[in-house]
Amino acid sequence: PHPYALTYTQTPKKPRVPMPKLSENRRRNWDEVETGFTEEQAVAEAERCLNCGVCVDCYACVSACQVNAIDHTQKDEELEIDVGQILVTTGYDLFDPRRMAQYGYGKLDNVVTSLEFERMLSSTGPTGGRIRLRNGEEPRAVAIVHCVGSRDENYNRYCSRVCCMYALKFAHLVKDRTDSEVYQFYIDMRSFGKGYEEFYSRILGEGANVIRGKVAEVIAAPQAAPDDGFLLVRAEDTMLGKFREIPVDMVVLCCALEPARGTEQVRRLLNLSQSPDGFLLERHPKLDPTGTVNEGVYIAGCAQGPKDIPDTVAQASAAASHMLGLIARGELA
């Protein structure tokens, strides 16, 4: 044998890539937590031979693969695949409330976004599902502000469609888990789905304070009255016809849904139309809500516009049905 050749027993086995776990120090902040492999870790684990640790061409994997999908002679290459149809589901991005400085996000403690509050409510979140302020105490009053970045001439004129109901869900969970007062500030309550209006009535029965009017600003409470709350919400009340100042300890901002980053690039690549709000435009809002002006390209979910999970599932199912119908025909005349 060659003097530098290693036998199977002499080859050091490459250890498995450990699965990242949620550490305790990351559970105390709002940073996004991922417990899966990074791209580099996934590639490293995929390249590790389960039999040898490193590949020594024992070909045990070739013998084990019954569909003959392993080729040790294969080289890296770029493939061009011809497809007849494409489904675009680029999703959404959350509006950055820092653009609305009057709400104090990023400057005032205990002003959080809806996504951060959702994370707090999770049993795997930074507080283990308990609603807590930055100092670890339970809030005495929580304000939930609707339409942050939505239905606003300065930002997004459209309704994000999901904020009203998840804001009501937040109110329910706050009342269920704490003794806090809850204040909902809304422009119009749009409870249009099945069972939504009934849920709205239920929240009113649980004692949530519902105030119709836009919030003008959120400021730190005056030092002279710290017992009333750490924050002061200034808002109009259109039902009473007056301006109100309400002390609270926590403010939750229900942020708008915006077109996902990269949607414009996909639109140009596929030669699709775009509505004025930046979302992809369907062929017809009633007769063909999943089709586009480019034959064979379909859209679904928040790529077409803000929508909740039931509407997204329904639209995606409709798009898949159209696509499968054409595939089943085999060819088009």
Protein backbone atom coordinates (compact mmCIF):
# COMPACT_ATOMS: atom_id res chain seq x y z
CA PRO A 1 0.00 0.00 0.00
CA HIS A 2 0.94 3.65 -0.44
CA PRO A 3 2.97 4.87 2.58
CA TYR A 4 0.62 7.85 3.10
CA ALA A 5 -2.65 5.93 2.62
CA LEU A 6 -4.97 5.60 5.62
CA THR A 7 -7.02 2.52 6.28
CA TYR A 8 -10.64 2.64 7.46
CA THR A 9 -9.65 2.07 11.08
CA GLN A 10 -6.99 4.80 10.95
CA THR A 11 -9.36 7.45 9.59
CA PRO A 12 -10.50 9.84 12.34
CA LYS A 13 -14.30 9.92 12.58
CA LYS A 14 -15.85 13.34 12.13
CA PRO A 15 -18.23 14.08 15.03
CA ARG A 16 -21.86 14.95 14.50
CA VAL A 17 -22.81 18.61 14.33
CA PRO A 18 -24.74 19.30 17.57
CA MET A 19 -28.23 20.73 17.26
CA PRO A 20 -28.30 24.30 18.65
CA LYS A 21 -30.39 24.64 21.79
CA LEU A 22 -32.09 27.65 23.31
CA SER A 23 -29.77 29.08 25.96
CA GLU A 24 -31.02 30.76 29.10
CA ASN A 25 -29.40 34.12 28.35
CA ARG A 26 -31.27 34.39 25.02
CA ARG A 27 -34.60 33.72 26.68
CA ARG A 28 -34.35 37.07 28.45
CA ASN A 29 -34.43 39.27 25.36
CA TRP A 30 -36.43 39.79 22.18
CA ASP A 31 -33.85 38.37 19.79
CA GLU A 32 -35.25 35.83 17.35
CA VAL A 33 -34.38 32.31 18.45
CA GLU A 34 -33.62 29.53 15.99
CA THR A 35 -33.05 25.98 17.20
CA GLY A 36 -32.22 24.46 13.81
CA PHE A 37 -29.01 24.19 11.82
CA THR A 38 -27.53 27.18 10.07
CA GLU A 39 -26.76 26.69 6.38
CA GLU A 40 -23.10 25.96 7.16
CA GLN A 41 -24.00 23.47 9.90
CA ALA A 42 -26.53 21.71 7.69
CA VAL A 43 -23.96 21.33 4.89
CA ALA A 44 -21.35 20.06 7.35
CA GLU A 45 -23.74 17.48 8.78
CA ALA A 46 -24.86 16.39 5.31
CA GLU A 47 -21.24 15.86 4.27
CA ARG A 48 -20.49 13.75 7.34
CA CYS A 49 -20.67 10.03 6.58
CA LEU A 50 -22.76 8.14 9.14
CA ASN A 51 -20.64 5.04 8.61
CA CYS A 52 -17.08 6.41 8.34
CA GLY A 53 -17.29 9.85 9.89
CA VAL A 54 -15.54 11.15 6.78
CA CYS A 55 -15.92 9.73 3.30
CA VAL A 56 -13.31 7.04 2.53
CA ASP A 57 -15.24 5.65 -0.45
CA CYS A 58 -16.55 2.61 1.39
CA TYR A 59 -19.72 2.89 -0.74
CA ALA A 60 -21.93 1.68 2.11
CA CYS A 61 -24.32 4.52 1.29
CA VAL A 62 -24.59 3.39 -2.34
CA SER A 63 -25.51 -0.11 -1.23
CA ALA A 64 -28.07 1.19 1.26
CA CYS A 65 -29.82 3.56 -1.18
CA GLN A 66 -32.45 1.49 -2.99
CA VAL A 67 -33.40 4.23 -5.47
CA ASN A 68 -29.81 4.70 -6.71
CA ALA A 69 -29.77 8.40 -5.82
CA ILE A 70 -26.08 8.55 -4.79
CA ASP A 71 -23.39 9.30 -7.36
CA HIS A 72 -19.82 9.71 -6.07
CA THR A 73 -18.68 11.01 -9.46
CA GLN A 74 -21.19 13.87 -9.60
CA LYS A 75 -19.76 17.39 -9.99
CA ASP A 76 -21.22 20.76 -8.98
CA GLU A 77 -23.40 22.21 -11.73
CA GLU A 78 -26.11 24.78 -12.27
CA LEU A 79 -29.38 23.36 -13.55
CA GLU A 80 -32.05 25.04 -15.64
CA ILE A 81 -35.39 23.39 -15.01
CA ASP A 82 -38.33 23.98 -17.34
CA VAL A 83 -41.58 24.46 -15.43
CA GLY A 84 -45.04 25.20 -16.67
CA GLN A 85 -46.35 27.05 -13.62
CA ILE A 86 -45.07 29.10 -10.70
CA LEU A 87 -46.77 29.91 -7.39
CA VAL A 88 -45.49 33.10 -5.73
CA THR A 89 -45.94 33.25 -1.94
CA THR A 90 -43.42 35.83 -0.76
CA GLY A 91 -45.24 36.67 2.48
CA TYR A 92 -44.95 39.96 4.34
CA ASP A 93 -42.72 42.09 6.55
CA LEU A 94 -43.84 43.88 9.70
CA PHE A 95 -43.97 47.68 9.68
CA ASP A 96 -41.13 49.20 11.69
CA PRO A 97 -42.77 51.38 14.38
CA ARG A 98 -39.57 53.40 14.78
CA ARG A 99 -40.82 55.33 11.76
CA MET A 100 -43.61 56.67 14.01
CA ALA A 101 -41.49 58.31 16.70
CA GLN A 102 -44.57 59.56 18.56
CA TYR A 103 -45.16 56.04 19.91
CA GLY A 104 -41.75 55.85 21.57
CA TYR A 105 -40.79 52.41 20.31
CA GLY A 106 -37.08 51.81 20.84
CA LYS A 107 -36.86 54.75 23.25
CA LEU A 108 -39.35 53.97 26.00
CA ASP A 109 -39.21 50.79 28.03
CA ASN A 110 -42.26 48.51 27.83
CA VAL A 111 -43.38 49.73 24.40
CA VAL A 112 -43.35 46.52 22.36
CA THR A 113 -44.54 45.35 18.96
CA SER A 114 -47.27 42.78 18.49
CA LEU A 115 -44.68 40.19 17.45
CA GLU A 116 -42.62 40.80 20.59
CA PHE A 117 -45.73 40.54 22.75
CA GLU A 118 -46.66 37.29 21.00
CA ARG A 119 -43.19 36.04 21.85
CA MET A 120 -43.70 37.03 25.49
CA LEU A 121 -46.96 35.08 25.60
CA SER A 122 -45.25 31.93 24.34
CA SER A 123 -44.29 29.31 26.93
CA THR A 124 -40.82 29.19 25.32
CA GLY A 125 -40.46 32.99 25.32
CA PRO A 126 -38.20 35.17 27.48
CA THR A 127 -40.69 35.18 30.38
CA GLY A 128 -42.04 31.66 30.02
CA GLY A 129 -45.46 32.94 28.97
CA ARG A 130 -45.85 35.39 31.85
CA ILE A 131 -46.71 39.00 31.04
CA ARG A 132 -43.99 41.07 32.64
CA LEU A 133 -42.43 44.52 32.41
CA ARG A 134 -38.72 45.10 31.91
CA ASN A 135 -38.27 45.20 35.69
CA GLY A 136 -39.92 41.79 36.06
CA GLU A 137 -43.16 43.09 37.57
CA GLU A 138 -46.67 42.43 36.33
CA PRO A 139 -48.23 45.43 34.53
CA ARG A 140 -51.17 47.17 36.17
CA ALA A 141 -52.55 48.43 32.84
CA VAL A 142 -51.82 47.51 29.22
CA ALA A 143 -52.68 49.62 26.16
CA ILE A 144 -53.10 47.88 22.80
CA VAL A 145 -52.83 50.27 19.86
CA HIS A 146 -54.40 49.21 16.55
CA CYS A 147 -53.42 50.29 13.03
CA VAL A 148 -49.80 51.31 13.64
CA GLY A 149 -48.70 52.09 10.10
CA SER A 150 -52.05 51.00 8.63
CA ARG A 151 -54.92 53.20 7.44
CA ASP A 152 -52.55 56.15 7.62
CA GLU A 153 -52.05 58.63 4.78
CA ASN A 154 -48.42 59.08 5.80
CA TYR A 155 -47.50 55.38 5.68
CA ASN A 156 -49.91 52.70 4.42
CA ARG A 157 -53.45 53.60 3.44
CA TYR A 158 -54.73 50.02 3.41
CA CYS A 159 -56.11 47.92 6.29
CA SER A 160 -53.85 45.07 7.40
CA ARG A 161 -56.92 42.93 8.14
CA VAL A 162 -55.42 40.84 10.94
CA CYS A 163 -54.69 43.42 13.65
CA CYS A 164 -58.18 43.77 15.15
CA MET A 165 -58.60 40.10 15.94
CA TYR A 166 -55.14 39.36 17.29
CA ALA A 167 -55.40 42.55 19.37
CA LEU A 168 -58.62 41.17 20.86
CA LYS A 169 -56.81 37.89 21.48
CA PHE A 170 -54.10 39.82 23.33
CA ALA A 171 -56.75 41.50 25.47
CA HIS A 172 -58.25 38.12 26.34
CA LEU A 173 -54.87 36.67 27.33
CA VAL A 174 -53.96 39.71 29.44
CA LYS A 175 -57.27 39.46 31.33
CA ASP A 176 -56.83 35.70 31.68
CA ARG A 177 -53.24 35.75 32.97
CA THR A 178 -53.10 38.97 34.98
CA ASP A 179 -55.23 41.39 36.97
CA SER A 180 -54.30 44.22 34.61
CA GLU A 181 -56.64 46.72 33.04
CA VAL A 182 -56.70 46.55 29.24
CA TYR A 183 -57.30 49.50 26.91
CA GLN A 184 -57.91 48.93 23.19
CA PHE A 185 -57.42 51.96 20.92
CA TYR A 186 -58.93 51.36 17.49
CA ILE A 187 -60.14 53.27 14.43
CA ASP A 188 -62.82 50.79 13.33
CA MET A 189 -63.31 47.28 14.70
CA ARG A 190 -63.24 45.00 11.64
CA SER A 191 -64.39 41.59 12.90
CA PHE A 192 -65.45 40.17 9.53
CA GLY A 193 -64.62 36.43 9.82
CA LYS A 194 -66.65 33.51 11.10
CA GLY A 195 -67.09 33.82 14.85
CA TYR A 196 -65.11 37.07 14.97
CA GLU A 197 -67.99 39.32 16.02
CA GLU A 198 -68.92 36.85 18.75
CA PHE A 199 -65.33 36.92 20.01
CA TYR A 200 -65.44 40.72 20.07
CA SER A 201 -68.57 40.59 22.22
CA ARG A 202 -66.86 38.10 24.51
CA ILE A 203 -63.89 40.43 25.05
CA LEU A 204 -66.25 43.28 25.94
CA GLY A 205 -67.87 40.99 28.47
CA GLU A 206 -64.49 40.23 30.02
CA GLY A 207 -64.05 43.88 30.93
CA ALA A 208 -61.65 45.20 28.29
CA ASN A 209 -61.87 48.97 27.79
CA VAL A 210 -62.49 49.70 24.10
CA ILE A 211 -61.76 53.26 22.95
CA ARG A 212 -62.54 54.38 19.41
CA GLY A 213 -59.89 56.87 18.35
CA LYS A 214 -56.30 57.25 17.21
CA VAL A 215 -53.43 57.49 19.64
CA ALA A 216 -51.60 60.80 19.28
CA GLU A 217 -48.50 59.88 21.27
CA VAL A 218 -47.03 57.72 24.00
CA ILE A 219 -44.77 59.47 26.51
CA ALA A 220 -43.08 58.68 29.79
CA ALA A 221 -45.35 59.33 32.74
CA PRO A 222 -44.58 62.41 34.85
CA GLN A 223 -42.31 61.68 37.78
CA ALA A 224 -44.91 63.16 40.11
CA ALA A 225 -47.35 60.32 39.44
CA PRO A 226 -45.35 57.08 39.08
CA ASP A 227 -48.00 55.07 40.90
CA ASP A 228 -50.48 55.61 38.06
CA GLY A 229 -48.24 54.05 35.39
CA PHE A 230 -44.87 54.28 33.72
CA LEU A 231 -46.32 55.50 30.41
CA LEU A 232 -48.97 57.98 29.38
CA VAL A 233 -51.13 57.34 26.31
CA ARG A 234 -52.67 60.44 24.75
CA ALA A 235 -55.53 59.71 22.40
CA GLU A 236 -58.80 61.02 21.06
CA ASP A 237 -62.06 59.32 22.02
CA THR A 238 -64.51 59.86 19.17
CA MET A 239 -67.38 58.25 21.07
CA LEU A 240 -67.10 60.73 23.94
CA GLY A 241 -65.85 63.57 21.76
CA LYS A 242 -62.88 64.45 23.92
CA PHE A 243 -59.13 64.02 24.29
CA ARG A 244 -57.99 61.50 26.91
CA GLU A 245 -54.77 60.77 28.78
CA ILE A 246 -54.56 57.24 30.18
CA PRO A 247 -51.67 56.01 32.38
CA VAL A 248 -50.48 52.48 31.62
CA ASP A 249 -47.42 50.33 32.29
CA MET A 250 -47.14 48.64 28.89
CA VAL A 251 -48.05 49.55 25.30
CA VAL A 252 -48.45 46.94 22.54
CA LEU A 253 -48.22 48.28 18.96
CA CYS A 254 -50.19 46.33 16.35
CA CYS A 255 -48.02 47.00 13.31
CA ALA A 256 -49.03 46.95 9.66
CA LEU A 257 -48.25 44.14 7.24
CA GLU A 258 -46.08 45.35 4.36
CA PRO A 259 -44.83 43.63 1.17
CA ALA A 260 -41.90 41.36 1.96
CA ARG A 261 -38.39 42.41 1.07
CA GLY A 262 -37.58 40.92 -2.30
CA THR A 263 -41.15 41.10 -3.62
CA GLU A 264 -40.18 43.83 -6.08
CA GLN A 265 -37.29 41.72 -7.36
CA VAL A 266 -39.60 38.74 -7.88
CA ARG A 267 -42.15 40.98 -9.59
CA ARG A 268 -39.57 42.22 -12.10
CA LEU A 269 -38.21 38.72 -12.65
CA LEU A 270 -41.64 37.28 -13.47
CA ASN A 271 -43.01 40.41 -15.17
CA LEU A 272 -45.97 40.77 -12.82
CA SER A 273 -48.22 43.73 -12.11
CA GLN A 274 -48.25 45.57 -8.82
CA SER A 275 -51.02 47.35 -6.95
CA PRO A 276 -50.40 50.86 -5.55
CA ASP A 277 -49.80 49.44 -2.06
CA GLY A 278 -46.80 47.42 -3.27
CA PHE A 279 -48.39 43.97 -3.23
CA LEU A 280 -48.66 41.79 -6.34
CA LEU A 281 -51.76 42.34 -8.46
CA GLU A 282 -54.16 39.52 -9.31
CA ARG A 283 -55.72 39.07 -12.74
CA HIS A 284 -59.23 39.82 -11.42
CA PRO A 285 -60.25 40.34 -7.77
CA LYS A 286 -63.40 38.20 -8.13
CA LEU A 287 -63.13 35.98 -11.21
CA ASP A 288 -59.44 35.07 -10.89
CA PRO A 289 -58.00 36.16 -7.52
CA THR A 290 -55.03 33.76 -7.74
CA GLY A 291 -53.99 34.31 -11.37
CA THR A 292 -51.76 37.05 -12.76
CA VAL A 293 -51.31 38.81 -16.10
CA ASN A 294 -48.43 36.43 -16.78
CA GLU A 295 -49.98 33.12 -17.83
CA GLY A 296 -48.85 30.25 -15.63
CA VAL A 297 -47.82 32.42 -12.67
CA TYR A 298 -50.09 32.39 -9.62
CA ILE A 299 -50.02 34.30 -6.33
CA ALA A 300 -51.32 33.45 -2.87
CA GLY A 301 -51.22 34.64 0.71
CA CYS A 302 -49.73 37.98 1.70
CA ALA A 303 -47.92 38.24 -1.64
CA GLN A 304 -51.28 39.45 -2.98
CA GLY A 305 -52.23 41.51 0.07
CA PRO A 306 -52.62 41.34 3.86
CA LYS A 307 -54.74 38.41 5.01
CA ASP A 308 -55.12 36.03 7.92
CA ILE A 309 -54.36 32.30 8.02
CA PRO A 310 -57.83 31.01 6.94
CA ASP A 311 -57.88 33.30 3.89
CA THR A 312 -54.29 32.41 3.05
CA VAL A 313 -55.04 28.69 3.19
CA ALA A 314 -58.15 29.13 1.04
CA GLN A 315 -56.32 31.16 -1.60
CA ALA A 316 -53.32 28.82 -1.68
CA SER A 317 -55.65 25.83 -2.05
CA ALA A 318 -57.43 27.54 -4.95
CA ALA A 319 -54.12 28.31 -6.66
CA ALA A 320 -52.92 24.72 -6.20
CA SER A 321 -56.21 23.44 -7.63
CA HIS A 322 -55.80 25.58 -10.76
CA MET A 323 -52.23 24.42 -11.21
CA LEU A 324 -52.99 20.73 -10.69
CA GLY A 325 -55.87 20.98 -13.13
CA LEU A 326 -53.54 22.17 -15.87
CA ILE A 327 -50.88 19.60 -14.98
CA ALA A 328 -53.43 16.79 -15.18
CA ARG A 329 -54.23 17.74 -18.77
CA GLY A 330 -50.69 16.95 -19.81
CA GLU A 331 -50.49 19.57 -22.53
CA LEU A 332 -52.31 22.70 -23.62
CA ALA A 333 -53.81 22.99 -27.08
